[in-house]
């Protein structure tokens, strides 16, 4: 039952993304019929999209290597298992995933 629910969820997410892209493409087409977009706007939007994609890719790679460095392939990163990690958490010098766990540890 769980695999079917997971599959349905993933299909729904993908369909939602495709619908969003379709709406954006229709909106762009309508704007271009009324107003001609300058070439600089098209180039600038491509750079913004590329920069965002690069940022997300680097962020994912960083979190992947952080998990390997801590020896935690499942990504739970238990701060209580390593005293140096606990010190880094108290100084706020850890990744965003660890900071959310610090908040859980401090506030219950």
C-alpha atoms as a PDB file:
ATOM      1  CA  UNK A   1       0.000   0.000   0.000  1.00  0.00           C
ATOM      2  CA  UNK A   2       2.844   2.401   0.825  1.00  0.00           C
ATOM      3  CA  UNK A   3       4.613   1.958  -2.558  1.00  0.00           C
ATOM      4  CA  UNK A   4       1.380   2.819  -4.395  1.00  0.00           C
ATOM      5  CA  UNK A   5       0.866   5.916  -2.241  1.00  0.00           C
ATOM      6  CA  UNK A   6       4.463   7.009  -2.790  1.00  0.00           C
ATOM      7  CA  UNK A   7       4.181   6.428  -6.540  1.00  0.00           C
ATOM      8  CA  UNK A   8       0.916   8.403  -6.682  1.00  0.00           C
ATOM      9  CA  UNK A   9       2.463  11.250  -4.720  1.00  0.00           C
ATOM     10  CA  UNK A  10       5.486  11.425  -7.022  1.00  0.00           C
ATOM     11  CA  UNK A  11       3.310  11.333 -10.148  1.00  0.00           C
ATOM     12  CA  UNK A  12       1.172  14.121  -8.694  1.00  0.00           C
ATOM     13  CA  UNK A  13       4.234  16.250  -7.961  1.00  0.00           C
ATOM     14  CA  UNK A  14       5.563  15.772 -11.494  1.00  0.00           C
ATOM     15  CA  UNK A  15       2.191  16.603 -13.041  1.00  0.00           C
ATOM     16  CA  UNK A  16       1.994  19.735 -10.909  1.00  0.00           C
ATOM     17  CA  UNK A  17       5.424  20.823 -12.110  1.00  0.00           C
ATOM     18  CA  UNK A  18       4.444  20.231 -15.742  1.00  0.00           C
ATOM     19  CA  UNK A  19       1.256  22.266 -15.269  1.00  0.00           C
ATOM     20  CA  UNK A  20       3.244  25.127 -13.734  1.00  0.00           C
ATOM     21  CA  UNK A  21       5.670  25.118 -16.670  1.00  0.00           C
ATOM     22  CA  UNK A  22       2.747  25.113 -19.122  1.00  0.00           C
ATOM     23  CA  UNK A  23       1.190  28.150 -17.392  1.00  0.00           C
ATOM     24  CA  UNK A  24       4.508  30.026 -17.431  1.00  0.00           C
ATOM     25  CA  UNK A  25       5.080  29.250 -21.121  1.00  0.00           C
ATOM     26  CA  UNK A  26       1.569  30.440 -22.036  1.00  0.00           C
ATOM     27  CA  UNK A  27       2.119  33.632 -20.015  1.00  0.00           C
ATOM     28  CA  UNK A  28       5.436  34.284 -21.752  1.00  0.00           C
ATOM     29  CA  UNK A  29       3.838  33.704 -25.153  1.00  0.00           C
ATOM     30  CA  UNK A  30       1.018  36.152 -24.348  1.00  0.00           C
ATOM     31  CA  UNK A  31       3.486  38.805 -23.159  1.00  0.00           C
ATOM     32  CA  UNK A  32       5.560  38.394 -26.315  1.00  0.00           C
ATOM     33  CA  UNK A  33       2.476  38.926 -28.495  1.00  0.00           C
ATOM     34  CA  UNK A  34       1.788  42.273 -26.802  1.00  0.00           C
ATOM     35  CA  UNK A  35       5.298  43.433 -25.961  1.00  0.00           C
ATOM     36  CA  UNK A  36       8.605  42.459 -27.523  1.00  0.00           C
ATOM     37  CA  UNK A  37      11.072  41.379 -24.870  1.00  0.00           C
ATOM     38  CA  UNK A  38      14.561  42.857 -25.255  1.00  0.00           C
ATOM     39  CA  UNK A  39      17.382  40.414 -25.957  1.00  0.00           C
ATOM     40  CA  UNK A  40      19.074  41.433 -22.679  1.00  0.00           C
ATOM     41  CA  UNK A  41      16.011  40.304 -20.709  1.00  0.00           C
ATOM     42  CA  UNK A  42      16.133  36.856 -22.299  1.00  0.00           C
ATOM     43  CA  UNK A  43      19.875  36.517 -21.624  1.00  0.00           C
ATOM     44  CA  UNK A  44      19.514  37.816 -18.051  1.00  0.00           C
ATOM     45  CA  UNK A  45      16.732  35.326 -17.281  1.00  0.00           C
ATOM     46  CA  UNK A  46      18.917  32.487 -18.576  1.00  0.00           C
ATOM     47  CA  UNK A  47      21.732  33.571 -16.247  1.00  0.00           C
ATOM     48  CA  UNK A  48      19.350  33.743 -13.267  1.00  0.00           C
ATOM     49  CA  UNK A  49      18.032  30.255 -13.993  1.00  0.00           C
ATOM     50  CA  UNK A  50      21.569  28.875 -14.452  1.00  0.00           C
ATOM     51  CA  UNK A  51      22.844  30.521 -11.263  1.00  0.00           C
ATOM     52  CA  UNK A  52      19.933  29.146  -9.243  1.00  0.00           C
ATOM     53  CA  UNK A  53      20.462  25.645 -10.654  1.00  0.00           C
ATOM     54  CA  UNK A  54      24.194  25.804  -9.892  1.00  0.00           C
ATOM     55  CA  UNK A  55      23.502  26.963  -6.316  1.00  0.00           C
ATOM     56  CA  UNK A  56      21.061  24.099  -5.700  1.00  0.00           C
ATOM     57  CA  UNK A  57      23.460  21.562  -7.221  1.00  0.00           C
ATOM     58  CA  UNK A  58      26.359  22.746  -5.063  1.00  0.00           C
ATOM     59  CA  UNK A  59      24.135  22.751  -1.985  1.00  0.00           C
ATOM     60  CA  UNK A  60      23.065  19.153  -2.635  1.00  0.00           C
ATOM     61  CA  UNK A  61      26.636  18.029  -3.264  1.00  0.00           C
ATOM     62  CA  UNK A  62      27.734  19.722  -0.049  1.00  0.00           C
ATOM     63  CA  UNK A  63      25.057  17.980   1.985  1.00  0.00           C
ATOM     64  CA  UNK A  64      25.943  14.664   0.341  1.00  0.00           C
ATOM     65  CA  UNK A  65      29.624  15.018   1.269  1.00  0.00           C
ATOM     66  CA  UNK A  66      28.750  16.281   4.753  1.00  0.00           C
ATOM     67  CA  UNK A  67      26.805  13.079   5.388  1.00  0.00           C
ATOM     68  CA  UNK A  68      29.731  10.986   4.224  1.00  0.00           C
ATOM     69  CA  UNK A  69      32.183  12.962   6.349  1.00  0.00           C
ATOM     70  CA  UNK A  70      30.094  12.326   9.462  1.00  0.00           C
ATOM     71  CA  UNK A  71      29.710   8.671   8.519  1.00  0.00           C
ATOM     72  CA  UNK A  72      25.941   8.929   8.436  1.00  0.00           C
ATOM     73  CA  UNK A  73      24.595   7.744   5.057  1.00  0.00           C
ATOM     74  CA  UNK A  74      20.962   7.992   6.180  1.00  0.00           C
ATOM     75  CA  UNK A  75      21.297  11.680   6.987  1.00  0.00           C
ATOM     76  CA  UNK A  76      20.193  11.581  10.612  1.00  0.00           C
ATOM     77  CA  UNK A  77      23.435  13.214  11.825  1.00  0.00           C
ATOM     78  CA  UNK A  78      22.980  12.604  15.540  1.00  0.00           C
ATOM     79  CA  UNK A  79      24.905  15.415  17.310  1.00  0.00           C
ATOM     80  CA  UNK A  80      25.182  13.501  20.571  1.00  0.00           C
ATOM     81  CA  UNK A  81      27.385  10.845  18.945  1.00  0.00           C
ATOM     82  CA  UNK A  82      30.356  13.176  18.383  1.00  0.00           C
ATOM     83  CA  UNK A  83      31.587  15.718  20.969  1.00  0.00           C
ATOM     84  CA  UNK A  84      33.256  17.957  18.351  1.00  0.00           C
ATOM     85  CA  UNK A  85      30.003  18.092  16.421  1.00  0.00           C
ATOM     86  CA  UNK A  86      28.154  19.123  19.583  1.00  0.00           C
ATOM     87  CA  UNK A  87      30.677  21.959  20.111  1.00  0.00           C
ATOM     88  CA  UNK A  88      30.184  23.116  16.517  1.00  0.00           C
ATOM     89  CA  UNK A  89      26.427  23.113  17.065  1.00  0.00           C
ATOM     90  CA  UNK A  90      26.656  25.271  20.178  1.00  0.00           C
ATOM     91  CA  UNK A  91      28.805  27.810  18.306  1.00  0.00           C
ATOM     92  CA  UNK A  92      26.458  27.746  15.292  1.00  0.00           C
ATOM     93  CA  UNK A  93      29.181  26.536  12.918  1.00  0.00           C
ATOM     94  CA  UNK A  94      27.328  23.643  11.356  1.00  0.00           C
ATOM     95  CA  UNK A  95      25.159  23.042   8.279  1.00  0.00           C
ATOM     96  CA  UNK A  96      21.515  24.032   8.048  1.00  0.00           C
ATOM     97  CA  UNK A  97      20.406  20.436   8.615  1.00  0.00           C
ATOM     98  CA  UNK A  98      22.302  20.303  11.906  1.00  0.00           C
ATOM     99  CA  UNK A  99      20.982  23.679  13.039  1.00  0.00           C
ATOM    100  CA  UNK A 100      17.423  22.398  12.789  1.00  0.00           C
ATOM    101  CA  UNK A 101      18.414  19.471  15.012  1.00  0.00           C
ATOM    102  CA  UNK A 102      20.015  21.896  17.470  1.00  0.00           C
ATOM    103  CA  UNK A 103      16.683  23.688  17.708  1.00  0.00           C
ATOM    104  CA  UNK A 104      14.934  20.377  18.375  1.00  0.00           C
ATOM    105  CA  UNK A 105      17.464  19.481  21.064  1.00  0.00           C
ATOM    106  CA  UNK A 106      17.175  22.870  22.786  1.00  0.00           C
ATOM    107  CA  UNK A 107      13.399  23.183  22.660  1.00  0.00           C
ATOM    108  CA  UNK A 108      12.349  19.639  23.203  1.00  0.00           C
END
